[in-house]
Amino acid sequence: MFKQAIVLRSDLEMGKGKLVAQGSHASLEAFIEAQKSSALTVAAWRSTGCKKITLKVSSEAELKELYSKAKRLKLPCSLVRDAGHTQVEPGTITALAIGPAADGTIDKVTGGLKLL
């Protein structure tokens, strides 16, 4: 099976709408990356319902470490830096999406995280 993991920072105390927007930005960008590198994985993920999981971290450092792990495993991923128009300062790293990719491979990066 395949999934996409969306990871958001809980320490920024973003509103619900902001969380959804940041997660959506990350999800879409990671999807575009996956299409470039693994069209067959994307097709399989789409045909099985586009499973997603939303997780949380408590710092920018944690998000960056997850991003580095995903890159080392050659997973499609996207790290979001906010434009700063609303709730956070410009350039604030808010979200990360990893995949779509095989569940087990994503779990190597995000397996220890809690649900949002």
Protein backbone atom coordinates (compact mmCIF):
# COMPACT_ATOMS: atom_id res chain seq x y z
CA MET A 1 0.00 0.00 0.00
CA PHE A 2 0.95 3.62 -0.47
CA LYS A 3 0.38 6.82 1.48
CA GLN A 4 1.42 10.40 1.88
CA ALA A 5 2.46 11.79 5.28
CA ILE A 6 1.75 15.44 6.03
CA VAL A 7 3.66 16.80 9.03
CA LEU A 8 2.80 20.11 10.68
CA ARG A 9 4.45 22.13 13.41
CA SER A 10 2.38 22.30 16.59
CA ASP A 11 4.65 24.87 18.26
CA LEU A 12 3.50 27.68 15.95
CA GLU A 13 -0.07 27.49 17.25
CA MET A 14 -1.50 28.16 13.79
CA GLY A 15 -5.26 28.30 13.45
CA LYS A 16 -7.10 25.35 11.92
CA GLY A 17 -7.49 27.06 8.56
CA LYS A 18 -3.80 27.92 8.46
CA LEU A 19 -2.86 24.33 9.32
CA VAL A 20 -5.03 23.04 6.49
CA ALA A 21 -3.58 25.54 4.03
CA GLN A 22 0.04 24.73 4.94
CA GLY A 23 -0.59 20.99 4.81
CA SER A 24 -2.28 21.41 1.44
CA HIS A 25 0.68 23.34 0.05
CA ALA A 26 3.06 20.60 1.20
CA SER A 27 0.82 17.80 -0.08
CA LEU A 28 0.46 19.27 -3.55
CA GLU A 29 4.16 20.02 -3.95
CA ALA A 30 5.19 16.53 -2.81
CA PHE A 31 2.64 15.05 -5.22
CA ILE A 32 4.18 17.04 -8.08
CA GLU A 33 7.65 15.78 -7.08
CA ALA A 34 6.36 12.21 -6.99
CA GLN A 35 4.86 12.53 -10.47
CA LYS A 36 8.28 13.49 -11.83
CA SER A 37 10.13 10.60 -10.24
CA SER A 38 7.63 7.79 -9.83
CA ALA A 39 4.52 7.95 -12.01
CA LEU A 40 3.71 4.29 -11.31
CA THR A 41 3.69 4.88 -7.54
CA VAL A 42 1.43 7.91 -7.99
CA ALA A 43 -0.96 5.90 -10.16
CA ALA A 44 -1.09 3.09 -7.59
CA TRP A 45 -1.64 5.57 -4.74
CA ARG A 46 -4.44 7.29 -6.64
CA SER A 47 -6.12 4.00 -7.53
CA THR A 48 -6.23 2.98 -3.87
CA GLY A 49 -7.83 6.16 -2.49
CA CYS A 50 -4.92 8.60 -2.01
CA LYS A 51 -4.33 7.61 1.63
CA LYS A 52 -2.90 10.43 3.75
CA ILE A 53 -1.87 10.69 7.37
CA THR A 54 -1.44 13.97 9.26
CA LEU A 55 1.20 14.11 11.97
CA LYS A 56 2.79 16.72 14.22
CA VAL A 57 6.18 17.81 15.43
CA SER A 58 7.00 20.44 18.03
CA SER A 59 9.84 22.31 16.36
CA GLU A 60 11.44 23.49 13.14
CA ALA A 61 14.48 21.35 13.91
CA GLU A 62 12.34 18.18 13.99
CA LEU A 63 10.73 19.06 10.67
CA LYS A 64 14.12 19.70 9.06
CA GLU A 65 15.47 16.38 10.36
CA LEU A 66 12.49 14.51 8.89
CA TYR A 67 13.04 16.29 5.58
CA SER A 68 16.70 15.24 5.59
CA LYS A 69 15.77 11.62 6.32
CA ALA A 70 13.20 11.62 3.51
CA LYS A 71 15.75 13.06 1.08
CA ARG A 72 18.34 10.44 2.09
CA LEU A 73 15.76 7.73 1.29
CA LYS A 74 15.04 9.48 -2.03
CA LEU A 75 11.38 9.99 -1.15
CA PRO A 76 9.40 12.70 -2.89
CA CYS A 77 8.91 15.46 -0.35
CA SER A 78 8.24 19.14 0.08
CA LEU A 79 9.15 21.52 2.88
CA VAL A 80 6.93 24.62 3.07
CA ARG A 81 8.16 28.10 3.94
CA ASP A 82 5.29 30.49 4.58
CA ALA A 83 5.02 33.81 2.77
CA GLY A 84 4.13 35.52 6.05
CA HIS A 85 0.89 37.20 5.00
CA THR A 86 -1.15 36.11 8.01
CA GLN A 87 -0.16 34.22 11.18
CA VAL A 88 3.58 33.59 10.99
CA GLU A 89 6.70 35.50 9.98
CA PRO A 90 7.86 35.34 6.33
CA GLY A 91 10.07 32.32 5.69
CA THR A 92 8.79 30.31 8.64
CA ILE A 93 8.97 26.58 7.93
CA THR A 94 5.50 25.27 8.69
CA ALA A 95 4.92 21.89 7.04
CA LEU A 96 6.39 18.88 5.30
CA ALA A 97 4.79 16.29 3.06
CA ILE A 98 6.43 13.00 2.19
CA GLY A 99 5.19 10.77 -0.60
CA PRO A 100 3.16 9.25 -1.97
CA ALA A 101 5.38 6.25 -1.44
CA ALA A 102 5.23 2.80 0.10
CA ASP A 103 3.81 2.82 3.63
CA GLY A 104 6.84 1.07 5.11
CA THR A 105 9.31 3.46 3.56
CA ILE A 106 7.47 6.52 4.84
CA ASP A 107 7.20 4.87 8.27
CA LYS A 108 11.02 4.77 8.39
CA VAL A 109 10.86 8.58 8.54
CA THR A 110 7.62 9.30 10.40
CA GLY A 111 6.89 6.11 12.36
CA GLY A 112 7.55 7.67 15.77
CA LEU A 113 5.34 10.73 15.31
CA LYS A 114 1.93 11.37 16.86
CA LEU A 115 -1.23 12.16 14.93
CA LEU A 116 -2.14 15.84 14.68
